[in-house]
Amino acid sequence: MKLATFTVGGQDAGPLAGVLEDGRLRAFAAGADAVREVLAGRLDPGETIGEYGLDQVRLLAPIPQPRTIFAVGLNYADHIAEMGNQPPEWPVVFVKVPGSASAPGDDIVCPEVVRRLDYEGELVAVIGDGGRIAGYCIADDVSSRDLQKREPHWVRAKGADTFCPYGPWITTADEVPDPHELAIRTWVNGELRQDSNTSNLVFGCDTLVQFISQTCSLAPGDLILTGTPGGVGQGMNPPRYLQSGDRIRIEIESLGAIEHRVR
């Protein structure tokens, strides 16, 4: 299944959740948090109450309020090299503030304090029942490189409002035979910047789940951003940071694409 949360144009009612089939969204009778409930195994989608084309809806963050957004740094060899680092012995895990989550097509709002804004296209593992991976989607781990360099903790650099657009929907794990064999690409204003494959992950999705769960309980709807490949703006010579009006598009094979603008 491809599970999405969305609003319908001109509709006064709150967000809907539904399943995408043949390019159309079938809305569940349950409320907007139904995606989390389906992933948790607490809800059988069952009856639907309406059907809409993608051109009739605005896609929201699939899980509107993730409990925890885990993220992983330095998890592709080419990105490690371009950042001038050594491969880590263990996964480098940090947390993005849950309030950074935003819709896949919403603008990234750059705070005035940030001068070096960067993109990071990433595969996301989405947690379901029992702390297991229930599905996958796409995220942009938006980063302030100046704050990241200046401050030893990355709460502000990685967790600012709108700094985690993700979606466009969650593809359940049964439809992704091997999450470690997916092409991943990022464009900025139509220019291909990142072109890699999840086979190049240093630590795979299952390893990350096991590592994080050694100390942190994983709950349905938690997100794990698994790291970004080479090709980020800071890694270029000279560095090329995002500017107002820039458009970022991230595609992952079989999972769709997200696209957003810098404001």
Protein backbone atom coordinates (compact mmCIF):
# COMPACT_ATOMS: atom_id res chain seq x y z
CA MET A 1 0.00 0.00 0.00
CA LYS A 2 0.89 3.61 -0.46
CA LEU A 3 -0.49 5.52 2.52
CA ALA A 4 -1.02 9.28 2.36
CA THR A 5 -2.48 12.15 4.37
CA PHE A 6 -4.05 14.99 2.41
CA THR A 7 -6.61 17.74 2.15
CA VAL A 8 -9.04 18.22 -0.69
CA GLY A 9 -9.26 21.63 -2.33
CA GLY A 10 -12.17 23.73 -1.11
CA GLN A 11 -13.02 21.25 1.63
CA ASP A 12 -13.65 22.73 5.09
CA ALA A 13 -13.24 19.41 6.87
CA GLY A 14 -9.90 18.42 8.36
CA PRO A 15 -7.20 16.30 6.75
CA LEU A 16 -7.98 12.88 5.36
CA ALA A 17 -5.89 9.73 5.21
CA GLY A 18 -6.08 7.21 2.44
CA VAL A 19 -4.44 4.76 0.11
CA LEU A 20 -3.07 5.54 -3.35
CA GLU A 21 -4.08 3.09 -6.07
CA ASP A 22 -3.81 3.61 -9.83
CA GLY A 23 -3.08 7.30 -9.38
CA ARG A 24 -6.14 7.97 -7.22
CA LEU A 25 -6.48 8.42 -3.46
CA ARG A 26 -9.22 6.51 -1.66
CA ALA A 27 -9.96 8.20 1.68
CA PHE A 28 -10.38 6.12 4.83
CA ALA A 29 -13.40 6.62 7.05
CA ALA A 30 -10.98 6.98 9.98
CA GLY A 31 -9.38 10.34 10.78
CA ALA A 32 -6.17 12.00 9.65
CA ASP A 33 -3.93 9.92 11.94
CA ALA A 34 -5.11 6.71 10.27
CA VAL A 35 -1.74 6.21 8.53
CA ARG A 36 -0.01 5.74 11.88
CA GLU A 37 -2.78 3.39 13.03
CA VAL A 38 -2.49 1.26 9.89
CA LEU A 39 1.30 1.01 10.33
CA ALA A 40 0.77 0.02 13.95
CA GLY A 41 -1.59 -2.77 12.93
CA ARG A 42 -4.39 -1.22 14.96
CA LEU A 43 -6.58 -0.29 12.00
CA ASP A 44 -7.80 -2.20 8.98
CA PRO A 45 -8.37 0.50 6.33
CA GLY A 46 -11.66 -1.12 5.37
CA GLU A 47 -14.36 1.20 4.10
CA THR A 48 -13.46 4.31 2.15
CA ILE A 49 -15.53 7.48 1.95
CA GLY A 50 -14.34 9.13 -1.24
CA GLU A 51 -11.93 8.96 -4.14
CA TYR A 52 -9.76 11.78 -5.50
CA GLY A 53 -7.17 12.34 -8.20
CA LEU A 54 -3.75 13.58 -7.14
CA ASP A 55 -4.50 16.84 -8.92
CA GLN A 56 -7.45 17.39 -6.55
CA VAL A 57 -5.53 17.17 -3.30
CA ARG A 58 -2.70 18.74 -1.34
CA LEU A 59 -0.42 16.10 0.13
CA LEU A 60 0.53 16.61 3.77
CA ALA A 61 3.21 14.95 5.87
CA PRO A 62 2.05 11.29 5.86
CA ILE A 63 2.22 11.21 9.67
CA PRO A 64 1.31 14.79 10.66
CA GLN A 65 3.12 14.71 14.02
CA PRO A 66 5.88 12.10 14.20
CA ARG A 67 6.77 11.24 17.78
CA THR A 68 10.49 11.07 17.03
CA ILE A 69 12.53 11.82 13.93
CA PHE A 70 15.86 10.00 14.12
CA ALA A 71 18.50 10.82 11.54
CA VAL A 72 21.89 9.42 10.60
CA GLY A 73 24.99 11.30 9.53
CA LEU A 74 27.92 10.12 7.44
CA ASN A 75 26.25 7.01 6.06
CA TYR A 76 27.40 7.05 2.40
CA ALA A 77 31.11 6.72 1.59
CA ASP A 78 31.05 9.46 -1.06
CA HIS A 79 29.38 11.91 1.33
CA ILE A 80 31.90 11.05 4.06
CA ALA A 81 34.73 11.84 1.62
CA GLU A 82 33.28 15.13 0.35
CA MET A 83 32.82 16.33 3.95
CA GLY A 84 36.44 15.45 4.78
CA ASN A 85 35.56 12.89 7.44
CA GLN A 86 36.55 9.33 8.25
CA PRO A 87 34.05 6.44 8.09
CA PRO A 88 32.43 6.05 11.52
CA GLU A 89 32.80 2.85 13.53
CA TRP A 90 29.18 3.10 14.64
CA PRO A 91 26.15 4.89 13.17
CA VAL A 92 26.12 8.62 13.89
CA VAL A 93 22.57 9.13 15.16
CA PHE A 94 20.93 12.44 16.04
CA VAL A 95 17.36 13.66 16.40
CA LYS A 96 15.55 16.27 14.36
CA VAL A 97 12.90 18.21 16.28
CA PRO A 98 9.44 16.70 15.53
CA GLY A 99 8.21 20.19 14.67
CA SER A 100 10.60 20.22 11.69
CA ALA A 101 8.31 17.77 9.86
CA SER A 102 6.46 19.35 6.96
CA ALA A 103 4.53 18.43 3.85
CA PRO A 104 6.49 17.13 0.85
CA GLY A 105 5.60 20.13 -1.29
CA ASP A 106 5.68 22.90 1.31
CA ASP A 107 8.31 25.64 1.23
CA ILE A 108 11.48 25.38 3.29
CA VAL A 109 11.52 28.59 5.32
CA CYS A 110 15.10 29.72 5.89
CA PRO A 111 15.54 31.54 9.24
CA GLU A 112 17.32 34.89 9.08
CA VAL A 113 20.16 33.55 11.22
CA VAL A 114 20.99 30.91 8.57
CA ARG A 115 23.37 31.88 5.76
CA ARG A 116 24.48 28.46 4.45
CA LEU A 117 21.40 26.37 3.74
CA ASP A 118 21.87 22.90 2.25
CA TYR A 119 19.79 19.91 1.05
CA GLU A 120 20.21 16.21 1.80
CA GLY A 121 18.04 13.72 -0.09
CA GLU A 122 17.41 10.65 2.07
CA LEU A 123 15.62 7.31 2.28
CA VAL A 124 13.36 7.14 5.34
CA ALA A 125 12.47 3.97 7.23
CA VAL A 126 9.08 4.28 8.96
CA ILE A 127 8.45 2.29 12.12
CA GLY A 128 5.36 0.15 12.66
CA ASP A 129 4.18 -2.40 15.21
CA GLY A 130 6.80 -3.93 17.48
CA GLY A 131 9.55 -1.51 16.49
CA ARG A 132 9.86 -3.07 13.05
CA ILE A 133 10.13 -1.25 9.74
CA ALA A 134 6.64 -0.93 8.27
CA GLY A 135 7.36 1.25 5.25
CA TYR A 136 9.59 3.71 3.44
CA CYS A 137 9.41 7.25 2.07
CA ILE A 138 11.60 10.20 1.07
CA ALA A 139 12.88 13.17 3.08
CA ASP A 140 15.07 16.23 2.73
CA ASP A 141 17.31 16.52 5.80
CA VAL A 142 17.59 20.29 5.39
CA SER A 143 20.70 21.60 7.12
CA SER A 144 22.19 24.91 8.17
CA ARG A 145 25.90 24.35 7.55
CA ASP A 146 26.95 27.51 9.38
CA LEU A 147 25.06 26.59 12.56
CA GLN A 148 26.16 22.96 12.20
CA LYS A 149 29.81 24.03 12.17
CA ARG A 150 29.43 26.61 14.93
CA GLU A 151 27.35 24.62 17.42
CA PRO A 152 28.42 21.17 18.75
CA HIS A 153 24.81 19.95 18.87
CA TRP A 154 22.69 20.06 15.72
CA VAL A 155 19.28 20.87 17.21
CA ARG A 156 19.07 24.27 15.55
CA ALA A 157 21.07 23.36 12.45
CA LYS A 158 18.91 20.36 11.59
CA GLY A 159 15.69 20.86 13.53
CA ALA A 160 14.39 24.25 12.44
CA ASP A 161 10.75 24.60 11.45
CA THR A 162 10.15 23.11 7.95
CA PHE A 163 13.61 21.45 7.88
CA CYS A 164 12.16 17.95 7.33
CA PRO A 165 9.80 17.87 4.34
CA TYR A 166 8.94 14.23 3.72
CA GLY A 167 6.57 11.94 1.84
CA PRO A 168 4.99 12.01 -0.68
CA TRP A 169 3.38 8.93 0.89
CA ILE A 170 4.56 5.90 2.84
CA THR A 171 5.06 2.78 0.74
CA THR A 172 4.58 -0.27 2.94
CA ALA A 173 7.51 -2.64 3.31
CA ASP A 174 5.81 -5.48 1.44
CA GLU A 175 6.03 -3.39 -1.74
CA VAL A 176 9.77 -2.70 -1.33
CA PRO A 177 11.53 -6.07 -1.78
CA ASP A 178 14.99 -4.61 -1.11
CA PRO A 179 15.34 -1.08 0.31
CA HIS A 180 19.08 -1.33 -0.31
CA GLU A 181 18.76 -1.45 -4.10
CA LEU A 182 16.99 1.83 -4.86
CA ALA A 183 18.23 4.67 -7.06
CA ILE A 184 18.24 8.01 -5.20
CA ARG A 185 18.60 11.37 -6.95
CA THR A 186 18.35 15.04 -6.04
CA TRP A 187 17.98 18.01 -8.38
CA VAL A 188 18.29 21.72 -7.60
CA ASN A 189 16.58 23.94 -10.18
CA GLY A 190 16.67 21.02 -12.61
CA GLU A 191 20.41 20.36 -12.15
CA LEU A 192 21.21 16.83 -11.01
CA ARG A 193 23.27 17.10 -7.81
CA GLN A 194 22.98 13.70 -6.11
CA ASP A 195 22.91 10.45 -8.09
CA SER A 196 23.46 7.31 -6.07
CA ASN A 197 21.89 4.08 -4.86
CA THR A 198 20.88 2.92 -1.41
CA SER A 199 23.19 -0.06 -1.95
CA ASN A 200 25.93 2.41 -0.97
CA LEU A 201 24.63 2.87 2.58
CA VAL A 202 27.36 2.19 5.14
CA PHE A 203 24.83 0.99 7.73
CA GLY A 204 21.63 -0.53 6.34
CA CYS A 205 18.10 0.06 7.56
CA ASP A 206 17.87 -3.02 9.78
CA THR A 207 21.23 -2.24 11.37
CA LEU A 208 20.06 1.29 12.15
CA VAL A 209 16.85 0.02 13.74
CA GLN A 210 18.78 -2.43 15.90
CA PHE A 211 21.34 0.19 16.90
CA ILE A 212 18.80 2.86 17.85
CA SER A 213 16.57 0.41 19.70
CA GLN A 214 19.46 -0.54 22.00
CA THR A 215 18.67 2.62 23.94
CA CYS A 216 15.47 4.15 22.50
CA SER A 217 12.07 2.53 22.21
CA LEU A 218 10.73 2.79 18.67
CA ALA A 219 7.02 3.48 18.27
CA PRO A 220 4.67 3.34 15.27
CA GLY A 221 5.13 6.44 13.15
CA ASP A 222 8.71 7.15 14.20
CA LEU A 223 10.96 8.09 11.28
CA ILE A 224 14.59 7.14 10.65
CA LEU A 225 16.33 9.27 8.01
CA THR A 226 19.11 6.98 6.86
CA GLY A 227 21.69 9.45 5.56
CA THR A 228 22.52 11.26 2.33
CA PRO A 229 24.84 10.41 -0.57
CA GLY A 230 27.48 12.66 -2.03
CA GLY A 231 26.57 15.78 -3.97
CA VAL A 232 25.43 18.16 -1.24
CA GLY A 233 26.00 21.88 -1.74
CA GLN A 234 28.73 22.14 0.87
CA GLY A 235 30.71 19.38 -0.83
CA MET A 236 31.09 21.33 -4.09
CA ASN A 237 34.11 23.46 -4.99
CA PRO A 238 33.25 26.19 -4.31
CA PRO A 239 30.26 25.31 -2.07
CA ARG A 240 26.83 26.07 -3.55
CA TYR A 241 24.24 26.79 -0.90
CA LEU A 242 20.51 27.14 -1.42
CA GLN A 243 19.01 30.54 -2.20
CA SER A 244 15.49 31.90 -1.95
CA GLY A 245 13.41 30.60 -4.85
CA ASP A 246 15.52 27.48 -5.43
CA ARG A 247 13.54 24.29 -6.06
CA ILE A 248 14.69 20.92 -4.74
CA ARG A 249 13.39 17.64 -6.15
CA ILE A 250 14.27 14.29 -4.59
CA GLU A 251 13.32 10.98 -6.19
CA ILE A 252 13.82 7.45 -4.88
CA GLU A 253 13.07 4.49 -7.10
CA SER A 254 9.59 3.01 -6.49
CA LEU A 255 8.86 5.52 -3.69
CA GLY A 256 7.93 8.58 -5.76
CA ALA A 257 9.30 12.11 -5.44
CA ILE A 258 9.05 15.19 -3.25
CA GLU A 259 9.60 18.73 -4.48
CA HIS A 260 9.79 21.97 -2.52
CA ARG A 261 11.00 25.55 -2.75
CA VAL A 262 13.24 27.66 -0.54
CA ARG A 263 11.70 30.78 0.93
